[in-house]
Amino acid sequence: MEKEHNILLIKAETFVKELLEKELPQNMYFHNFEHTLLVVEGVKLIGKQSNIAENDLFLLTLAAFLHDVGYTKQYIGHELASTQIARTFLLENELDPLHIETVTSLILATKYPQLPKNSLEEIICDADFYHFSLQNYTAFADRLKREWEESLHLVYNNREWDAINLDMLTGHQYFTGYGKKILQKKKNLNIEKLVQRFT
């Protein structure tokens, strides 16, 4: 079973990479394949730290690969578009229908504001904001600022953007034990950096 899982994960990675390269708008500076790989990394890290079953980690990883493919269709409401693309891909690859339902539920759980209903949804939600805890967080924030300007026509000066980021980071809470214990501490360092910009 593990071999089958690995084959499907490789197929999913290739499918997503090619789809995003071909169909993702050029101005997606944040929500791109690099972000997808970061969410996959986050899911694996948090999933292992949470001691979840191998099959659950497999489904989470699939969902992480597929969670943002809907951006190739639309910006607002991309989660639903992602589930439609994911369902088609997973059916073609003969994944068990119950597993497909789990994957699509996990994708929908990433919709903001996040309201996870179970431990697996908590893991993918935390992984989607894994970058909040990274040292180079501000680089990701800068990319998102540029993406919003070009995709949503939302334009902010640097001070306004810092304030939005500060609100976002302070208002956000991780759900998993690992998120609360480890990622929160790292995120707090980024909050401190933002606070210093205002002093």
C-alpha atoms as a PDB file:
ATOM      1  CA  MET A   1       0.000   0.000   0.000  1.00  0.00           C
ATOM      2  CA  GLU A   2       2.834   2.371   0.854  1.00  0.00           C
ATOM      3  CA  LYS A   3       4.285   1.923  -2.642  1.00  0.00           C
ATOM      4  CA  GLU A   4       0.905   2.765  -4.215  1.00  0.00           C
ATOM      5  CA  HIS A   5       0.654   5.814  -1.995  1.00  0.00           C
ATOM      6  CA  ASN A   6       4.093   7.044  -3.022  1.00  0.00           C
ATOM      7  CA  ILE A   7       3.288   6.566  -6.717  1.00  0.00           C
ATOM      8  CA  LEU A   8       0.103   8.638  -6.381  1.00  0.00           C
ATOM      9  CA  LEU A   9       1.909  11.381  -4.434  1.00  0.00           C
ATOM     10  CA  ILE A  10       4.556  11.622  -7.163  1.00  0.00           C
ATOM     11  CA  LYS A  11       1.790  11.788  -9.787  1.00  0.00           C
ATOM     12  CA  ALA A  12       0.013  14.496  -7.770  1.00  0.00           C
ATOM     13  CA  GLU A  13       3.172  16.584  -7.440  1.00  0.00           C
ATOM     14  CA  THR A  14       3.847  16.346 -11.193  1.00  0.00           C
ATOM     15  CA  PHE A  15       0.210  17.104 -12.056  1.00  0.00           C
ATOM     16  CA  VAL A  16       0.102  20.179  -9.801  1.00  0.00           C
ATOM     17  CA  LYS A  17       3.489  21.505 -10.947  1.00  0.00           C
ATOM     18  CA  GLU A  18       2.527  21.233 -14.621  1.00  0.00           C
ATOM     19  CA  LEU A  19      -0.954  22.666 -14.076  1.00  0.00           C
ATOM     20  CA  LEU A  20       0.341  25.691 -12.166  1.00  0.00           C
ATOM     21  CA  GLU A  21       3.145  26.300 -14.678  1.00  0.00           C
ATOM     22  CA  LYS A  22       0.690  26.249 -17.585  1.00  0.00           C
ATOM     23  CA  GLU A  23      -2.432  27.866 -16.144  1.00  0.00           C
ATOM     24  CA  LEU A  24      -1.607  29.933 -13.068  1.00  0.00           C
ATOM     25  CA  PRO A  25      -1.725  33.690 -13.809  1.00  0.00           C
ATOM     26  CA  GLN A  26       1.738  35.297 -13.969  1.00  0.00           C
ATOM     27  CA  ASN A  27       0.974  37.632 -11.054  1.00  0.00           C
ATOM     28  CA  MET A  28       0.622  34.841  -8.475  1.00  0.00           C
ATOM     29  CA  TYR A  29       3.761  35.725  -6.547  1.00  0.00           C
ATOM     30  CA  PHE A  30       2.655  34.055  -3.318  1.00  0.00           C
ATOM     31  CA  HIS A  31       0.062  31.375  -4.156  1.00  0.00           C
ATOM     32  CA  ASN A  32       2.287  29.345  -6.448  1.00  0.00           C
ATOM     33  CA  PHE A  33       4.097  26.008  -6.532  1.00  0.00           C
ATOM     34  CA  GLU A  34       6.626  27.171  -3.936  1.00  0.00           C
ATOM     35  CA  HIS A  35       3.775  27.843  -1.487  1.00  0.00           C
ATOM     36  CA  THR A  36       2.280  24.445  -2.315  1.00  0.00           C
ATOM     37  CA  LEU A  37       5.575  22.709  -1.483  1.00  0.00           C
ATOM     38  CA  LEU A  38       5.790  24.679   1.768  1.00  0.00           C
ATOM     39  CA  VAL A  39       2.301  23.490   2.800  1.00  0.00           C
ATOM     40  CA  VAL A  40       3.304  19.901   1.917  1.00  0.00           C
ATOM     41  CA  GLU A  41       6.414  20.329   4.078  1.00  0.00           C
ATOM     42  CA  GLY A  42       4.279  21.734   6.907  1.00  0.00           C
ATOM     43  CA  VAL A  43       1.761  18.882   6.691  1.00  0.00           C
ATOM     44  CA  LYS A  44       4.514  16.257   6.858  1.00  0.00           C
ATOM     45  CA  LEU A  45       6.258  17.980   9.767  1.00  0.00           C
ATOM     46  CA  ILE A  46       3.116  18.628  11.832  1.00  0.00           C
ATOM     47  CA  GLY A  47       1.581  15.259  10.869  1.00  0.00           C
ATOM     48  CA  LYS A  48       4.640  13.336  12.059  1.00  0.00           C
ATOM     49  CA  GLN A  49       4.846  15.403  15.258  1.00  0.00           C
ATOM     50  CA  SER A  50       1.151  14.650  15.831  1.00  0.00           C
ATOM     51  CA  ASN A  51       1.738  10.876  15.475  1.00  0.00           C
ATOM     52  CA  ILE A  52      -1.035  10.398  12.935  1.00  0.00           C
ATOM     53  CA  ALA A  53      -1.554   7.156  10.998  1.00  0.00           C
ATOM     54  CA  GLU A  54       0.373   6.640   7.745  1.00  0.00           C
ATOM     55  CA  ASN A  55      -2.833   6.628   5.686  1.00  0.00           C
ATOM     56  CA  ASP A  56      -3.960   9.925   7.235  1.00  0.00           C
ATOM     57  CA  LEU A  57      -0.601  11.517   6.419  1.00  0.00           C
ATOM     58  CA  PHE A  58      -0.964  10.259   2.836  1.00  0.00           C
ATOM     59  CA  LEU A  59      -4.395  11.915   2.482  1.00  0.00           C
ATOM     60  CA  LEU A  60      -3.156  15.118   4.095  1.00  0.00           C
ATOM     61  CA  THR A  61      -0.192  15.275   1.721  1.00  0.00           C
ATOM     62  CA  LEU A  62      -2.484  14.765  -1.277  1.00  0.00           C
ATOM     63  CA  ALA A  63      -4.731  17.578  -0.027  1.00  0.00           C
ATOM     64  CA  ALA A  64      -1.709  19.838   0.510  1.00  0.00           C
ATOM     65  CA  PHE A  65      -0.544  19.301  -3.072  1.00  0.00           C
ATOM     66  CA  LEU A  66      -4.016  20.011  -4.459  1.00  0.00           C
ATOM     67  CA  HIS A  67      -5.314  22.700  -2.079  1.00  0.00           C
ATOM     68  CA  ASP A  68      -4.559  25.744  -4.277  1.00  0.00           C
ATOM     69  CA  VAL A  69      -4.981  24.402  -7.827  1.00  0.00           C
ATOM     70  CA  GLY A  70      -8.294  26.291  -8.026  1.00  0.00           C
ATOM     71  CA  TYR A  71      -6.314  29.524  -8.415  1.00  0.00           C
ATOM     72  CA  THR A  72      -5.904  28.453 -12.056  1.00  0.00           C
ATOM     73  CA  LYS A  73      -9.675  29.056 -12.413  1.00  0.00           C
ATOM     74  CA  GLN A  74     -10.495  31.900 -10.023  1.00  0.00           C
ATOM     75  CA  TYR A  75      -9.046  33.932  -7.150  1.00  0.00           C
ATOM     76  CA  ILE A  76     -12.081  34.357  -4.909  1.00  0.00           C
ATOM     77  CA  GLY A  77     -13.601  30.970  -4.074  1.00  0.00           C
ATOM     78  CA  HIS A  78     -10.572  29.052  -5.320  1.00  0.00           C
ATOM     79  CA  GLU A  79     -11.043  26.368  -2.637  1.00  0.00           C
ATOM     80  CA  LEU A  80     -14.202  25.022  -4.264  1.00  0.00           C
ATOM     81  CA  ALA A  81     -12.532  25.068  -7.689  1.00  0.00           C
ATOM     82  CA  SER A  82      -9.592  23.187  -6.125  1.00  0.00           C
ATOM     83  CA  THR A  83     -11.899  20.420  -4.883  1.00  0.00           C
ATOM     84  CA  GLN A  84     -13.385  19.980  -8.364  1.00  0.00           C
ATOM     85  CA  ILE A  85      -9.954  19.654  -9.984  1.00  0.00           C
ATOM     86  CA  ALA A  86      -8.785  17.368  -7.147  1.00  0.00           C
ATOM     87  CA  ARG A  87     -11.840  15.129  -7.435  1.00  0.00           C
ATOM     88  CA  THR A  88     -11.346  14.658 -11.183  1.00  0.00           C
ATOM     89  CA  PHE A  89      -7.624  13.909 -10.773  1.00  0.00           C
ATOM     90  CA  LEU A  90      -8.169  11.459  -7.898  1.00  0.00           C
ATOM     91  CA  LEU A  91     -11.024   9.639  -9.660  1.00  0.00           C
ATOM     92  CA  GLU A  92      -8.833   9.215 -12.740  1.00  0.00           C
ATOM     93  CA  ASN A  93      -6.187   7.716 -10.455  1.00  0.00           C
ATOM     94  CA  GLU A  94      -8.742   5.384  -8.849  1.00  0.00           C
ATOM     95  CA  LEU A  95      -8.482   6.606  -5.280  1.00  0.00           C
ATOM     96  CA  ASP A  96     -11.151   5.181  -2.993  1.00  0.00           C
ATOM     97  CA  PRO A  97     -14.239   7.493  -3.069  1.00  0.00           C
ATOM     98  CA  LEU A  98     -14.234   7.823   0.732  1.00  0.00           C
ATOM     99  CA  HIS A  99     -10.616   8.947   0.601  1.00  0.00           C
ATOM    100  CA  ILE A 100     -11.503  11.458  -2.112  1.00  0.00           C
ATOM    101  CA  GLU A 101     -14.172  12.912   0.208  1.00  0.00           C
ATOM    102  CA  THR A 102     -11.581  13.254   2.977  1.00  0.00           C
ATOM    103  CA  VAL A 103      -9.152  15.031   0.643  1.00  0.00           C
ATOM    104  CA  THR A 104     -11.789  17.481  -0.614  1.00  0.00           C
ATOM    105  CA  SER A 105     -12.932  18.199   2.967  1.00  0.00           C
ATOM    106  CA  LEU A 106      -9.324  18.928   3.915  1.00  0.00           C
ATOM    107  CA  ILE A 107      -8.994  21.345   0.979  1.00  0.00           C
ATOM    108  CA  LEU A 108     -12.188  23.176   2.008  1.00  0.00           C
ATOM    109  CA  ALA A 109     -10.889  23.424   5.586  1.00  0.00           C
ATOM    110  CA  THR A 110      -8.150  25.800   4.375  1.00  0.00           C
ATOM    111  CA  LYS A 111     -10.776  28.440   3.521  1.00  0.00           C
ATOM    112  CA  TYR A 112     -10.251  31.587   5.580  1.00  0.00           C
ATOM    113  CA  PRO A 113     -11.334  32.089   8.346  1.00  0.00           C
ATOM    114  CA  GLN A 114     -10.245  28.578   9.224  1.00  0.00           C
ATOM    115  CA  LEU A 115     -12.746  26.461  11.181  1.00  0.00           C
ATOM    116  CA  PRO A 116     -11.270  22.933  11.307  1.00  0.00           C
ATOM    117  CA  LYS A 117     -13.670  20.209  12.449  1.00  0.00           C
ATOM    118  CA  ASN A 118     -11.166  17.436  13.263  1.00  0.00           C
ATOM    119  CA  SER A 119      -7.464  16.794  13.923  1.00  0.00           C
ATOM    120  CA  LEU A 120      -6.569  16.286  10.245  1.00  0.00           C
ATOM    121  CA  GLU A 121      -8.219  19.560   9.274  1.00  0.00           C
ATOM    122  CA  GLU A 122      -6.305  21.238  12.111  1.00  0.00           C
ATOM    123  CA  ILE A 123      -3.031  19.936  10.649  1.00  0.00           C
ATOM    124  CA  ILE A 124      -3.632  21.258   7.122  1.00  0.00           C
ATOM    125  CA  CYS A 125      -4.864  24.599   8.499  1.00  0.00           C
ATOM    126  CA  ASP A 126      -1.653  24.998  10.501  1.00  0.00           C
ATOM    127  CA  ALA A 127       0.431  23.915   7.497  1.00  0.00           C
ATOM    128  CA  ASP A 128      -1.262  26.530   5.293  1.00  0.00           C
ATOM    129  CA  PHE A 129       0.056  29.196   7.685  1.00  0.00           C
ATOM    130  CA  TYR A 130       3.358  27.440   8.345  1.00  0.00           C
ATOM    131  CA  HIS A 131       5.139  30.398   6.706  1.00  0.00           C
ATOM    132  CA  PHE A 132       4.006  32.620   9.617  1.00  0.00           C
ATOM    133  CA  SER A 133       6.641  30.812  11.687  1.00  0.00           C
ATOM    134  CA  LEU A 134       9.525  31.073   9.212  1.00  0.00           C
ATOM    135  CA  GLN A 135      12.469  33.455   9.551  1.00  0.00           C
ATOM    136  CA  ASN A 136      11.887  34.819   6.046  1.00  0.00           C
ATOM    137  CA  TYR A 137       8.194  35.507   6.715  1.00  0.00           C
ATOM    138  CA  THR A 138       8.474  39.124   5.528  1.00  0.00           C
ATOM    139  CA  ALA A 139       9.602  37.948   2.074  1.00  0.00           C
ATOM    140  CA  PHE A 140       6.368  35.936   1.779  1.00  0.00           C
ATOM    141  CA  ALA A 141       4.340  38.899   3.030  1.00  0.00           C
ATOM    142  CA  ASP A 142       5.945  41.149   0.392  1.00  0.00           C
ATOM    143  CA  ARG A 143       4.989  38.674  -2.330  1.00  0.00           C
ATOM    144  CA  LEU A 144       1.410  38.545  -1.099  1.00  0.00           C
ATOM    145  CA  LYS A 145       1.249  42.365  -1.093  1.00  0.00           C
ATOM    146  CA  ARG A 146       2.294  42.414  -4.744  1.00  0.00           C
ATOM    147  CA  GLU A 147      -0.139  39.617  -5.593  1.00  0.00           C
ATOM    148  CA  TRP A 148      -3.081  41.449  -3.962  1.00  0.00           C
ATOM    149  CA  GLU A 149      -2.181  44.659  -5.806  1.00  0.00           C
ATOM    150  CA  GLU A 150      -2.205  42.968  -9.210  1.00  0.00           C
ATOM    151  CA  SER A 151      -4.911  40.336  -8.672  1.00  0.00           C
ATOM    152  CA  LEU A 152      -7.382  42.116  -6.372  1.00  0.00           C
ATOM    153  CA  HIS A 153      -6.358  45.770  -6.947  1.00  0.00           C
ATOM    154  CA  LEU A 154      -5.827  46.210  -3.200  1.00  0.00           C
ATOM    155  CA  VAL A 155      -3.041  48.721  -2.752  1.00  0.00           C
ATOM    156  CA  TYR A 156      -1.442  49.524   0.619  1.00  0.00           C
ATOM    157  CA  ASN A 157       1.567  51.573   1.588  1.00  0.00           C
ATOM    158  CA  ASN A 158       4.252  49.810   3.637  1.00  0.00           C
ATOM    159  CA  ARG A 159       2.955  51.053   6.990  1.00  0.00           C
ATOM    160  CA  GLU A 160      -0.615  49.958   6.196  1.00  0.00           C
ATOM    161  CA  TRP A 161       0.678  46.593   5.046  1.00  0.00           C
ATOM    162  CA  ASP A 162       2.709  46.126   8.232  1.00  0.00           C
ATOM    163  CA  ALA A 163      -0.433  46.915  10.250  1.00  0.00           C
ATOM    164  CA  ILE A 164      -2.456  44.351   8.267  1.00  0.00           C
ATOM    165  CA  ASN A 165       0.248  41.740   8.809  1.00  0.00           C
ATOM    166  CA  LEU A 166       0.455  42.522  12.505  1.00  0.00           C
ATOM    167  CA  ASP A 167      -3.322  42.118  12.826  1.00  0.00           C
ATOM    168  CA  MET A 168      -3.179  38.874  10.882  1.00  0.00           C
ATOM    169  CA  LEU A 169      -0.345  37.349  12.913  1.00  0.00           C
ATOM    170  CA  THR A 170      -1.652  38.427  16.319  1.00  0.00           C
ATOM    171  CA  GLY A 171      -5.214  37.360  15.473  1.00  0.00           C
ATOM    172  CA  HIS A 172      -4.140  33.981  14.113  1.00  0.00           C
ATOM    173  CA  GLN A 173      -3.940  30.904  16.356  1.00  0.00           C
ATOM    174  CA  TYR A 174      -2.426  27.537  15.534  1.00  0.00           C
ATOM    175  CA  PHE A 175      -4.683  24.555  16.270  1.00  0.00           C
ATOM    176  CA  THR A 176      -2.370  21.554  16.703  1.00  0.00           C
ATOM    177  CA  GLY A 177      -0.216  20.804  19.742  1.00  0.00           C
ATOM    178  CA  TYR A 178       2.936  21.263  17.639  1.00  0.00           C
ATOM    179  CA  GLY A 179       1.589  24.516  16.245  1.00  0.00           C
ATOM    180  CA  LYS A 180       0.773  25.884  19.693  1.00  0.00           C
ATOM    181  CA  LYS A 181       4.071  24.785  21.259  1.00  0.00           C
ATOM    182  CA  ILE A 182       6.641  25.275  18.497  1.00  0.00           C
ATOM    183  CA  LEU A 183       5.266  27.272  15.567  1.00  0.00           C
ATOM    184  CA  GLN A 184       3.579  29.876  17.795  1.00  0.00           C
ATOM    185  CA  LYS A 185       6.935  30.713  19.446  1.00  0.00           C
ATOM    186  CA  LYS A 186       8.580  31.192  16.051  1.00  0.00           C
ATOM    187  CA  LYS A 187       5.633  33.259  14.836  1.00  0.00           C
ATOM    188  CA  ASN A 188       5.962  35.479  17.909  1.00  0.00           C
ATOM    189  CA  LEU A 189       9.472  36.444  16.725  1.00  0.00           C
ATOM    190  CA  ASN A 190       7.934  37.694  13.467  1.00  0.00           C
ATOM    191  CA  ILE A 191       5.307  39.616  15.443  1.00  0.00           C
ATOM    192  CA  GLU A 192       8.123  41.272  17.434  1.00  0.00           C
ATOM    193  CA  LYS A 193       9.896  42.257  14.198  1.00  0.00           C
ATOM    194  CA  LEU A 194       6.694  43.871  12.912  1.00  0.00           C
ATOM    195  CA  VAL A 195       6.081  45.688  16.214  1.00  0.00           C
ATOM    196  CA  GLN A 196       9.606  47.141  16.050  1.00  0.00           C
ATOM    197  CA  ARG A 197       8.789  48.740  12.701  1.00  0.00           C
ATOM    198  CA  PHE A 198       6.189  50.909  14.493  1.00  0.00           C
ATOM    199  CA  THR A 199       8.505  52.155  17.253  1.00  0.00           C
END
